Amino acid sequence: MILTNRRHRLIFICLAGMEMAWFTPLLLLLLYAQRRWRGDLALPVPTPLALFGVLWISLILLMLALDVLQKRDLESPRFELSVLALLLLTSLLAIRFGLYTRALLTDGAWLRNTADAIFNFQRGLRPELLFFLTMLFLWQRAASASSRDLGFFSVGVSFRLGILLLIVGGSLLVGVTPQPLAAVQFLWIYFVLGLSAVALSRIDQHATRGYDSAGVMLPTGRLAQLLAIIAGVVGATALLAGWLTPQGQLRLVQQLLPLWLFLAKILRFILDAIFWLVAPVLEWLLELLVRLFRESDLLTRLDGILQNMQVAPLDTQIATQPTPDPIPPWIWVAARYALVLVVLTLMVALVLVVLGRVRRGRSADQDEAAAGEALTLGGSSLRRGLQRLRRLARLVRRYGLGSQLLAAISVQNLYANLTRLARQRGFGRPPALSPDDYLSLLSQAFPGQDAALQRLTLAYMRVHYGDHPVAENELAQLRADFRAIQETPRQENRQPD
């Protein structure tokens, strides 16, 4: 994360800030609801920005702690026990110094209050339980960050999901907080951090493909330029949103009053004309309905049916006798304690499972190499789009429009996905390396799949460099080979530098 992959450090920090930006309004909602439940409106609630800063720094510190534990390469039992000890220690320290700042160090009443708040949750959401649940959530997010995919698509999905959560939490917070602008502040913070994370992940995705850079995120000047652009866009949007207030829109509507009066006159003229045209038809239909009802006995039949209908009285009052509870009270208390222990065990196990999966699948730190990059303003995307169109045009000239063209495109997509999977495992294809020379690196990335890798490579070379079509049965075999390659376990070795 922050220590093990310096190239992605800023993305991790931005993602942590995004999560705390949408989580802070929800936590503030619980704090304000707690004040009303307890009937103590004078109970202090931290300021929104201060609470956001504390949560953001806490999440970053937890991520750093997990990085330190992972770099020490502890064995399986010691690693899980260390994480569990840190989880309990940080949670208790947060409760001790966050709620009982004035208590003596030798006073153990806070421990009793904490245990009572956790196991007797039916008495209400007390501050100790809220602190404990918040720390569990932070640990879960820190553990999930260890296995988070920093690709452009994944970061974009997190950005959109966070916006929805922020809208829900911020909308509810506006109705209960004495500071309605707090939700708007979280919105601008989220957009700055979210746009930064999306832009950096997009740049990193292109940098690892071997286009212009070998691994560094951005030079200092380019990074400052990117952040300045994001700050300018968000700042201009904030100013525009401040100008487009309900009062400003009302003034604009009032200034356009002559236009509305003119449009109202035109609309009234159109409605009068429509009514003048439709009125004779409506009168004729009314006369037709009256004549039909007079000539039929429908009304007489309906009157007879209504007179014959009888409504039976409903006796909804059923006398019930209270029955004594056959279950002793101590069984309910034991069940409540068991439920709390099971929930806590599941939450801690979730954190440990995520960390264990990361330890089994994580690769070594990625090396960094600096390379100069020029500001293209989207020119590189246009250039790559033109290259794709030229490649597609070559395939059309070779195979024409038909099933052979679709098969050739499928083979190229399969090989592109194969190289992407190999690059994720540390065996990327250098731009000057031919596919047959790259086959040895693919064998290291996917051991035991030499035959499948050779078939995919030969099919790609036939399609890309020659005019040999691919049959349907051969394409089905290639797709089965790719699915088998995908299921190959990841190896710990990486491509030597």
Protein backbone atom coordinates (compact mmCIF):
# COMPACT_ATOMS: atom_id res chain seq x y z
CA MET A 1 0.00 0.00 0.00
CA ILE A 2 1.58 3.28 1.14
CA LEU A 3 4.99 1.81 2.03
CA THR A 4 5.15 -1.28 -0.17
CA ASN A 5 4.22 0.54 -3.39
CA ARG A 6 5.47 4.09 -3.48
CA ARG A 7 4.28 4.56 -7.05
CA HIS A 8 0.66 4.14 -5.87
CA ARG A 9 1.03 6.01 -2.59
CA LEU A 10 -0.88 9.11 -3.62
CA ILE A 11 -3.73 7.02 -5.10
CA PHE A 12 -4.13 5.12 -1.82
CA ILE A 13 -4.19 8.39 0.15
CA CYS A 14 -6.81 9.90 -2.17
CA LEU A 15 -8.98 6.78 -2.00
CA ALA A 16 -8.78 6.83 1.80
CA GLY A 17 -9.90 10.46 1.80
CA MET A 18 -12.78 9.64 -0.55
CA GLU A 19 -14.05 6.93 1.77
CA MET A 20 -13.85 9.15 4.81
CA ALA A 21 -15.61 11.96 2.92
CA TRP A 22 -18.76 9.85 2.45
CA PHE A 23 -18.42 8.06 5.81
CA THR A 24 -18.14 11.24 7.93
CA PRO A 25 -21.71 12.49 7.19
CA LEU A 26 -23.11 9.09 8.14
CA LEU A 27 -21.14 9.11 11.39
CA LEU A 28 -22.34 12.65 12.15
CA LEU A 29 -25.91 11.46 11.60
CA LEU A 30 -25.40 8.80 14.27
CA LEU A 31 -23.90 11.35 16.67
CA TYR A 32 -26.83 13.76 16.25
CA ALA A 33 -29.32 10.90 16.53
CA GLN A 34 -27.58 9.78 19.72
CA ARG A 35 -28.03 13.22 21.24
CA ARG A 36 -31.77 13.09 20.60
CA TRP A 37 -32.16 9.53 21.86
CA ARG A 38 -30.41 10.40 25.10
CA GLY A 39 -32.33 13.66 25.43
CA ASP A 40 -29.09 15.60 25.94
CA LEU A 41 -28.95 18.23 23.21
CA ALA A 42 -25.94 19.80 24.92
CA LEU A 43 -23.82 16.70 24.21
CA PRO A 44 -20.78 17.95 22.24
CA VAL A 45 -20.41 16.86 18.61
CA PRO A 46 -17.11 17.46 16.81
CA THR A 47 -17.01 19.86 13.91
CA PRO A 48 -17.46 18.12 10.54
CA LEU A 49 -14.08 19.03 9.04
CA ALA A 50 -12.21 18.14 12.24
CA LEU A 51 -13.93 14.74 12.39
CA PHE A 52 -13.11 14.13 8.72
CA GLY A 53 -9.44 14.99 9.32
CA VAL A 54 -9.19 12.65 12.32
CA LEU A 55 -10.81 9.76 10.42
CA TRP A 56 -8.63 10.30 7.34
CA ILE A 57 -5.40 10.39 9.34
CA SER A 58 -6.51 7.36 11.39
CA LEU A 59 -7.20 5.31 8.25
CA ILE A 60 -3.80 6.24 6.78
CA LEU A 61 -2.07 5.25 10.04
CA LEU A 62 -3.85 1.89 10.06
CA MET A 63 -2.77 1.30 6.46
CA LEU A 64 0.81 2.13 7.46
CA ALA A 65 0.59 -0.32 10.38
CA LEU A 66 -0.57 -3.09 8.05
CA ASP A 67 2.25 -2.22 5.65
CA VAL A 68 4.81 -2.58 8.42
CA LEU A 69 3.38 -5.97 9.44
CA GLN A 70 3.37 -7.22 5.86
CA LYS A 71 6.97 -6.12 5.26
CA ARG A 72 8.10 -8.10 8.30
CA ASP A 73 6.88 -11.34 6.66
CA LEU A 74 5.54 -12.88 9.86
CA GLU A 75 4.36 -16.47 9.81
CA SER A 76 0.64 -17.23 9.66
CA PRO A 77 -0.30 -17.48 13.36
CA ARG A 78 1.92 -14.60 14.47
CA PHE A 79 0.64 -12.30 11.72
CA GLU A 80 -3.05 -12.86 12.55
CA LEU A 81 -2.40 -12.50 16.28
CA SER A 82 -0.49 -9.27 15.68
CA VAL A 83 -3.36 -7.83 13.63
CA LEU A 84 -5.89 -8.88 16.27
CA ALA A 85 -3.78 -7.31 19.06
CA LEU A 86 -3.44 -4.06 17.10
CA LEU A 87 -7.18 -3.99 16.40
CA LEU A 88 -8.09 -4.36 20.06
CA LEU A 89 -5.36 -2.00 21.26
CA THR A 90 -6.25 0.82 18.84
CA SER A 91 -9.97 0.46 19.57
CA LEU A 92 -9.46 0.64 23.32
CA LEU A 93 -7.04 3.57 23.01
CA ALA A 94 -9.54 5.44 20.84
CA ILE A 95 -12.26 4.95 23.46
CA ARG A 96 -9.93 5.79 26.37
CA PHE A 97 -8.47 9.01 24.97
CA GLY A 98 -11.46 9.99 22.85
CA LEU A 99 -14.18 9.74 25.50
CA TYR A 100 -12.37 9.67 28.86
CA THR A 101 -9.77 12.34 28.36
CA ARG A 102 -10.15 13.71 31.89
CA ALA A 103 -10.18 10.37 33.70
CA LEU A 104 -7.17 9.21 35.71
CA LEU A 105 -4.88 6.64 34.14
CA THR A 106 -5.56 4.26 37.05
CA ASP A 107 -9.33 4.56 36.66
CA GLY A 108 -10.70 1.41 35.02
CA ALA A 109 -14.34 2.49 34.91
CA TRP A 110 -14.06 3.13 31.18
CA LEU A 111 -13.36 -0.56 30.55
CA ARG A 112 -16.52 -1.58 32.41
CA ASN A 113 -18.54 1.04 30.55
CA THR A 114 -17.14 -0.16 27.22
CA ALA A 115 -17.99 -3.81 27.91
CA ASP A 116 -21.46 -2.85 29.10
CA ALA A 117 -22.08 -0.71 25.99
CA ILE A 118 -21.00 -3.54 23.66
CA PHE A 119 -22.87 -6.43 25.26
CA ASN A 120 -25.97 -4.49 26.36
CA PHE A 121 -26.57 -2.87 23.00
CA GLN A 122 -30.34 -3.07 23.48
CA ARG A 123 -30.11 -0.05 25.80
CA GLY A 124 -29.14 2.21 22.93
CA LEU A 125 -26.14 3.19 20.83
CA ARG A 126 -23.75 4.58 23.45
CA PRO A 127 -20.54 6.46 22.59
CA GLU A 128 -18.27 3.54 23.54
CA LEU A 129 -20.06 1.18 21.15
CA LEU A 130 -20.03 3.83 18.42
CA PHE A 131 -16.26 4.33 18.82
CA PHE A 132 -15.67 0.58 18.74
CA LEU A 133 -17.75 0.07 15.58
CA THR A 134 -15.99 3.00 13.90
CA MET A 135 -12.57 1.48 14.61
CA LEU A 136 -13.73 -1.87 13.24
CA PHE A 137 -14.89 -0.15 10.07
CA LEU A 138 -11.56 1.67 9.69
CA TRP A 139 -9.66 -1.59 10.11
CA GLN A 140 -11.87 -3.27 7.54
CA ARG A 141 -11.25 -0.48 5.02
CA ALA A 142 -7.50 -0.56 5.71
CA ALA A 143 -7.45 -4.33 5.15
CA SER A 144 -9.50 -4.00 1.95
CA ALA A 145 -7.07 -1.39 0.65
CA SER A 146 -4.34 -4.05 0.70
CA SER A 147 -6.08 -6.00 -2.06
CA ARG A 148 -7.67 -3.07 -3.88
CA ASP A 149 -7.34 -2.92 -7.63
CA LEU A 150 -5.96 0.47 -8.65
CA GLY A 151 -6.99 0.19 -12.27
CA PHE A 152 -8.87 3.00 -13.92
CA PHE A 153 -12.14 1.04 -14.11
CA SER A 154 -12.02 -0.03 -10.45
CA VAL A 155 -11.23 3.47 -9.19
CA GLY A 156 -14.00 4.88 -11.39
CA VAL A 157 -16.53 2.46 -9.90
CA SER A 158 -15.44 3.46 -6.37
CA PHE A 159 -15.81 7.12 -7.35
CA ARG A 160 -19.39 6.67 -8.58
CA LEU A 161 -20.42 4.54 -5.63
CA GLY A 162 -18.94 7.06 -3.19
CA ILE A 163 -20.92 9.87 -4.84
CA LEU A 164 -24.18 7.98 -4.24
CA LEU A 165 -23.31 7.33 -0.59
CA LEU A 166 -22.26 10.95 -0.11
CA ILE A 167 -25.52 12.24 -1.61
CA VAL A 168 -27.56 10.02 0.72
CA GLY A 169 -25.57 10.88 3.84
CA GLY A 170 -25.26 14.57 3.02
CA SER A 171 -28.97 14.93 2.24
CA LEU A 172 -29.91 13.41 5.58
CA LEU A 173 -27.29 15.45 7.41
CA VAL A 174 -28.67 18.75 6.10
CA GLY A 175 -31.93 18.15 7.97
CA VAL A 176 -30.37 17.54 11.40
CA THR A 177 -27.15 19.52 11.61
CA PRO A 178 -27.00 23.15 12.72
CA GLN A 179 -24.38 23.64 9.99
CA PRO A 180 -26.11 22.82 6.67
CA LEU A 181 -23.05 23.84 4.65
CA ALA A 182 -21.03 20.96 6.15
CA ALA A 183 -22.50 18.50 3.63
CA VAL A 184 -21.55 20.82 0.76
CA GLN A 185 -17.97 21.01 2.06
CA PHE A 186 -17.70 17.23 2.00
CA LEU A 187 -18.93 17.28 -1.60
CA TRP A 188 -16.11 19.55 -2.78
CA ILE A 189 -13.52 17.60 -0.78
CA TYR A 190 -14.75 14.37 -2.30
CA PHE A 191 -14.59 15.74 -5.85
CA VAL A 192 -11.02 17.01 -5.41
CA LEU A 193 -9.79 13.69 -3.99
CA GLY A 194 -11.90 11.57 -6.36
CA LEU A 195 -10.84 13.36 -9.53
CA SER A 196 -7.21 13.18 -8.40
CA ALA A 197 -7.47 9.41 -7.80
CA VAL A 198 -9.19 8.79 -11.15
CA ALA A 199 -6.66 10.89 -13.08
CA LEU A 200 -3.66 9.29 -11.36
CA SER A 201 -4.98 5.76 -11.91
CA ARG A 202 -5.52 6.54 -15.60
CA ILE A 203 -2.00 7.89 -15.94
CA ASP A 204 -0.59 4.89 -14.08
CA GLN A 205 -2.50 2.49 -16.33
CA HIS A 206 -0.89 4.01 -19.42
CA ALA A 207 2.52 4.30 -17.77
CA THR A 208 2.66 0.55 -17.08
CA ARG A 209 1.83 -0.29 -20.70
CA GLY A 210 5.20 0.87 -21.89
CA TYR A 211 4.08 3.91 -23.83
CA ASP A 212 6.01 6.84 -22.41
CA SER A 213 7.05 5.84 -18.91
CA ALA A 214 8.43 2.76 -17.21
CA GLY A 215 6.68 3.09 -13.89
CA VAL A 216 6.83 6.49 -12.19
CA MET A 217 3.48 8.14 -11.55
CA LEU A 218 4.25 11.76 -12.42
CA PRO A 219 7.10 14.23 -12.05
CA THR A 220 6.60 16.94 -9.47
CA GLY A 221 5.80 19.61 -12.04
CA ARG A 222 3.23 17.49 -13.85
CA LEU A 223 1.65 16.44 -10.57
CA ALA A 224 1.34 20.07 -9.45
CA GLN A 225 -0.15 20.94 -12.84
CA LEU A 226 -2.72 18.14 -12.55
CA LEU A 227 -3.75 19.12 -9.03
CA ALA A 228 -4.01 22.78 -10.06
CA ILE A 229 -6.34 21.87 -12.95
CA ILE A 230 -8.53 19.75 -10.66
CA ALA A 231 -8.64 22.50 -8.02
CA GLY A 232 -9.55 25.05 -10.70
CA VAL A 233 -12.38 22.94 -12.11
CA VAL A 234 -13.85 22.16 -8.70
CA GLY A 235 -13.42 25.77 -7.54
CA ALA A 236 -15.18 27.15 -10.61
CA THR A 237 -17.99 24.63 -10.11
CA ALA A 238 -18.32 25.68 -6.47
CA LEU A 239 -18.54 29.36 -7.43
CA LEU A 240 -21.17 28.59 -10.06
CA ALA A 241 -23.15 26.52 -7.56
CA GLY A 242 -22.98 29.39 -5.08
CA TRP A 243 -24.39 31.75 -7.68
CA LEU A 244 -27.18 29.38 -8.80
CA THR A 245 -29.04 29.50 -5.50
CA PRO A 246 -32.87 29.40 -5.15
CA GLN A 247 -32.84 33.14 -4.46
CA GLY A 248 -30.81 33.80 -7.59
CA GLN A 249 -33.07 31.64 -9.71
CA LEU A 250 -36.15 33.42 -8.27
CA ARG A 251 -34.68 36.79 -9.23
CA LEU A 252 -34.02 35.48 -12.74
CA VAL A 253 -37.62 34.28 -13.05
CA GLN A 254 -38.91 37.64 -11.83
CA GLN A 255 -36.79 39.48 -14.39
CA LEU A 256 -38.32 37.33 -17.14
CA LEU A 257 -41.91 38.12 -16.01
CA PRO A 258 -42.90 39.88 -19.29
CA LEU A 259 -41.85 36.77 -21.21
CA TRP A 260 -43.98 34.51 -19.00
CA LEU A 261 -47.02 36.81 -19.46
CA PHE A 262 -46.58 36.74 -23.23
CA LEU A 263 -46.27 32.93 -23.23
CA ALA A 264 -49.35 32.66 -20.98
CA LYS A 265 -51.44 34.66 -23.47
CA ILE A 266 -50.31 32.42 -26.33
CA LEU A 267 -51.09 29.29 -24.31
CA ARG A 268 -54.55 30.58 -23.40
CA PHE A 269 -55.30 31.36 -27.04
CA ILE A 270 -54.24 27.83 -28.05
CA LEU A 271 -56.40 26.21 -25.32
CA ASP A 272 -59.44 28.33 -26.30
CA ALA A 273 -59.04 27.29 -29.91
CA ILE A 274 -58.79 23.61 -28.97
CA PHE A 275 -61.89 23.85 -26.77
CA TRP A 276 -63.83 25.63 -29.54
CA LEU A 277 -63.00 22.79 -31.91
CA VAL A 278 -63.71 19.94 -29.48
CA ALA A 279 -66.86 21.37 -27.78
CA PRO A 280 -69.36 20.19 -30.47
CA VAL A 281 -67.98 16.67 -30.34
CA LEU A 282 -68.25 16.55 -26.53
CA GLU A 283 -71.86 17.81 -26.63
CA TRP A 284 -72.82 15.13 -29.18
CA LEU A 285 -71.23 12.38 -27.01
CA LEU A 286 -73.12 13.63 -23.95
CA GLU A 287 -76.46 13.52 -25.74
CA LEU A 288 -75.68 10.01 -27.02
CA LEU A 289 -74.93 8.70 -23.51
CA VAL A 290 -78.14 10.24 -22.07
CA ARG A 291 -80.25 8.62 -24.80
CA LEU A 292 -78.64 5.22 -24.24
CA PHE A 293 -79.27 5.28 -20.49
CA ARG A 294 -82.91 6.29 -20.97
CA GLU A 295 -83.61 3.46 -23.42
CA SER A 296 -82.04 0.71 -21.24
CA ASP A 297 -82.87 -0.64 -17.77
CA LEU A 298 -79.23 -0.56 -16.60
CA LEU A 299 -79.90 1.99 -13.86
CA THR A 300 -82.84 -0.09 -12.53
CA ARG A 301 -80.68 -3.21 -12.32
CA LEU A 302 -77.88 -1.40 -10.50
CA ASP A 303 -80.38 0.02 -7.96
CA GLY A 304 -81.73 -3.46 -7.23
CA ILE A 305 -78.26 -4.90 -6.74
CA LEU A 306 -77.33 -2.18 -4.26
CA GLN A 307 -80.53 -2.69 -2.24
CA ASN A 308 -79.97 -6.47 -1.99
CA MET A 309 -76.41 -6.12 -0.74
CA GLN A 310 -76.08 -6.73 3.00
CA VAL A 311 -72.92 -6.03 4.95
CA ALA A 312 -72.28 -8.47 7.75
CA PRO A 313 -70.82 -6.92 10.89
CA LEU A 314 -67.22 -7.81 11.54
CA ASP A 315 -66.23 -8.67 15.07
CA THR A 316 -62.60 -7.66 15.19
CA GLN A 317 -62.28 -7.57 18.94
CA ILE A 318 -60.90 -10.86 20.08
CA ALA A 319 -60.32 -11.28 23.73
CA THR A 320 -56.85 -12.54 24.47
CA GLN A 321 -55.37 -13.51 27.72
CA PRO A 322 -51.72 -12.65 28.36
CA THR A 323 -49.62 -15.76 28.62
CA PRO A 324 -46.51 -15.91 30.72
CA ASP A 325 -43.15 -16.09 28.94
CA PRO A 326 -42.00 -19.73 29.14
CA ILE A 327 -38.32 -18.76 28.52
CA PRO A 328 -36.36 -17.60 31.62
CA PRO A 329 -34.75 -14.12 31.42
CA TRP A 330 -31.21 -15.46 31.80
CA ILE A 331 -31.55 -17.30 28.48
CA TRP A 332 -32.25 -14.00 26.69
CA VAL A 333 -29.19 -12.41 28.31
CA ALA A 334 -26.99 -15.35 27.30
CA ALA A 335 -28.34 -15.24 23.75
CA ARG A 336 -27.59 -11.51 23.52
CA TYR A 337 -24.00 -11.99 24.70
CA ALA A 338 -23.54 -14.90 22.28
CA LEU A 339 -24.91 -12.78 19.40
CA VAL A 340 -22.44 -9.98 20.17
CA LEU A 341 -19.52 -12.40 20.33
CA VAL A 342 -20.51 -14.03 17.04
CA VAL A 343 -20.84 -10.66 15.26
CA LEU A 344 -17.49 -9.44 16.59
CA THR A 345 -15.82 -12.71 15.62
CA LEU A 346 -17.21 -12.48 12.08
CA MET A 347 -16.04 -8.87 11.68
CA VAL A 348 -12.53 -9.64 12.93
CA ALA A 349 -12.41 -12.80 10.79
CA LEU A 350 -13.33 -10.72 7.73
CA VAL A 351 -10.35 -8.44 8.31
CA LEU A 352 -8.00 -11.42 8.84
CA VAL A 353 -9.28 -13.28 5.76
CA VAL A 354 -8.74 -10.25 3.54
CA LEU A 355 -5.22 -9.77 4.89
CA GLY A 356 -4.43 -13.47 4.50
CA ARG A 357 -5.53 -13.42 0.89
CA VAL A 358 -3.33 -10.39 0.25
CA ARG A 359 -0.33 -12.08 1.87
CA ARG A 360 -0.77 -15.14 -0.33
CA GLY A 361 -1.22 -13.19 -3.53
CA ARG A 362 0.86 -10.07 -3.13
CA SER A 363 3.93 -9.66 -5.28
CA ALA A 364 7.15 -7.87 -4.52
CA ASP A 365 7.45 -4.12 -4.64
CA GLN A 366 7.37 -2.62 -8.08
CA ASP A 367 10.55 -0.96 -9.24
CA GLU A 368 10.42 2.64 -10.32
CA ALA A 369 12.06 4.24 -13.29
CA ALA A 370 11.80 7.87 -14.21
CA ALA A 371 10.97 8.91 -17.71
CA GLY A 372 10.12 12.23 -19.21
CA GLU A 373 6.55 12.85 -20.28
CA ALA A 374 5.11 15.69 -22.30
CA LEU A 375 1.72 17.28 -21.83
CA THR A 376 -0.43 15.89 -24.63
CA LEU A 377 -3.91 17.20 -23.69
CA GLY A 378 -5.52 14.04 -25.04
CA GLY A 379 -3.29 13.69 -28.10
CA SER A 380 -2.03 10.27 -27.05
CA SER A 381 -5.60 8.93 -26.80
CA LEU A 382 -6.34 10.23 -30.29
CA ARG A 383 -3.15 8.66 -31.61
CA ARG A 384 -4.00 5.27 -30.08
CA GLY A 385 -7.52 5.48 -31.51
CA LEU A 386 -6.12 6.08 -35.00
CA GLN A 387 -3.79 3.12 -34.56
CA ARG A 388 -6.71 0.87 -33.66
CA LEU A 389 -8.62 2.07 -36.73
CA ARG A 390 -5.63 1.34 -38.97
CA ARG A 391 -5.28 -2.17 -37.51
CA LEU A 392 -9.00 -2.79 -38.04
CA ALA A 393 -8.74 -1.54 -41.63
CA ARG A 394 -5.88 -3.99 -42.29
CA LEU A 395 -7.97 -6.86 -40.94
CA VAL A 396 -10.90 -5.85 -43.15
CA ARG A 397 -8.64 -5.82 -46.23
CA ARG A 398 -7.30 -9.28 -45.34
CA TYR A 399 -10.46 -11.11 -44.29
CA GLY A 400 -13.33 -8.99 -45.57
CA LEU A 401 -16.60 -8.49 -43.70
CA GLY A 402 -17.74 -11.78 -42.24
CA SER A 403 -17.10 -14.51 -39.70
CA GLN A 404 -13.37 -14.63 -40.44
CA LEU A 405 -13.01 -10.97 -39.52
CA LEU A 406 -14.81 -11.53 -36.22
CA ALA A 407 -12.62 -14.54 -35.47
CA ALA A 408 -9.46 -12.52 -36.17
CA ILE A 409 -10.62 -9.72 -33.84
CA SER A 410 -11.42 -12.31 -31.15
CA VAL A 411 -7.92 -13.77 -31.40
CA GLN A 412 -6.35 -10.33 -31.06
CA ASN A 413 -8.52 -9.58 -28.00
CA LEU A 414 -7.59 -12.91 -26.40
CA TYR A 415 -3.88 -12.22 -26.85
CA ALA A 416 -4.26 -8.64 -25.54
CA ASN A 417 -5.99 -9.94 -22.41
CA LEU A 418 -3.26 -12.58 -22.04
CA THR A 419 -0.51 -9.94 -22.07
CA ARG A 420 -2.51 -7.84 -19.61
CA LEU A 421 -2.74 -10.75 -17.16
CA ALA A 422 0.97 -11.43 -17.56
CA ARG A 423 1.79 -7.77 -16.92
CA GLN A 424 -0.25 -7.86 -13.70
CA ARG A 425 1.91 -10.78 -12.58
CA GLY A 426 5.14 -8.90 -13.28
CA PHE A 427 5.91 -10.28 -16.75
CA GLY A 428 5.00 -7.42 -19.06
CA ARG A 429 5.88 -7.49 -22.74
CA PRO A 430 8.49 -4.90 -23.77
CA PRO A 431 7.50 -2.98 -26.92
CA ALA A 432 10.44 -4.36 -28.97
CA LEU A 433 9.90 -8.03 -28.01
CA SER A 434 8.25 -10.22 -30.63
CA PRO A 435 5.41 -12.58 -29.64
CA ASP A 436 7.49 -15.75 -30.13
CA ASP A 437 10.32 -14.34 -27.96
CA TYR A 438 7.75 -13.24 -25.39
CA LEU A 439 6.51 -16.82 -25.13
CA SER A 440 9.26 -17.74 -22.64
CA LEU A 441 8.15 -14.99 -20.26
CA LEU A 442 4.53 -16.12 -20.60
CA SER A 443 5.59 -19.61 -19.57
CA GLN A 444 7.11 -18.15 -16.40
CA ALA A 445 3.97 -16.16 -15.66
CA PHE A 446 1.64 -19.15 -16.24
CA PRO A 447 3.57 -22.35 -15.45
CA GLY A 448 2.14 -25.59 -16.73
CA GLN A 449 0.28 -23.93 -19.63
CA ASP A 450 2.96 -24.16 -22.31
CA ALA A 451 0.74 -25.84 -24.90
CA ALA A 452 -2.11 -23.35 -24.45
CA LEU A 453 0.28 -20.40 -24.53
CA GLN A 454 1.89 -21.68 -27.72
CA ARG A 455 -1.49 -22.11 -29.44
CA LEU A 456 -2.57 -18.58 -28.50
CA THR A 457 0.76 -17.09 -29.61
CA LEU A 458 0.78 -18.91 -32.97
CA ALA A 459 -2.85 -17.97 -33.65
CA TYR A 460 -2.10 -14.31 -32.88
CA MET A 461 0.95 -14.31 -35.17
CA ARG A 462 -1.10 -15.90 -37.96
CA VAL A 463 -3.80 -13.27 -37.65
CA HIS A 464 -1.60 -10.25 -36.96
CA TYR A 465 1.25 -10.89 -39.40
CA GLY A 466 -0.31 -13.18 -42.01
CA ASP A 467 -3.52 -13.79 -43.87
CA HIS A 468 -4.40 -17.19 -42.41
CA PRO A 469 -7.96 -17.33 -41.05
CA VAL A 470 -9.01 -19.06 -37.83
CA ALA A 471 -11.67 -21.76 -37.93
CA GLU A 472 -14.60 -21.88 -35.52
CA ASN A 473 -13.41 -25.03 -33.74
CA GLU A 474 -9.93 -23.54 -33.39
CA LEU A 475 -11.38 -20.35 -31.91
CA ALA A 476 -13.35 -22.38 -29.36
CA GLN A 477 -10.14 -24.19 -28.37
CA LEU A 478 -8.33 -20.85 -27.96
CA ARG A 479 -11.07 -19.55 -25.68
CA ALA A 480 -10.87 -22.70 -23.55
CA ASP A 481 -7.08 -22.24 -23.39
CA PHE A 482 -7.48 -18.68 -22.18
CA ARG A 483 -9.93 -19.73 -19.44
CA ALA A 484 -7.46 -22.38 -18.28
CA ILE A 485 -4.64 -19.82 -18.26
CA GLN A 486 -6.74 -17.45 -16.16
CA GLU A 487 -7.10 -20.11 -13.46
CA THR A 488 -3.34 -20.68 -13.20
CA PRO A 489 -2.15 -19.88 -9.63
CA ARG A 490 0.00 -16.79 -9.27
CA GLN A 491 3.70 -17.43 -8.66
CA GLU A 492 5.86 -15.51 -6.22
CA ASN A 493 8.73 -14.94 -8.71
CA ARG A 494 8.71 -11.87 -10.86
CA GLN A 495 10.41 -10.95 -14.04
CA PRO A 496 14.03 -9.99 -13.30
CA ASP A 497 14.90 -6.38 -13.89
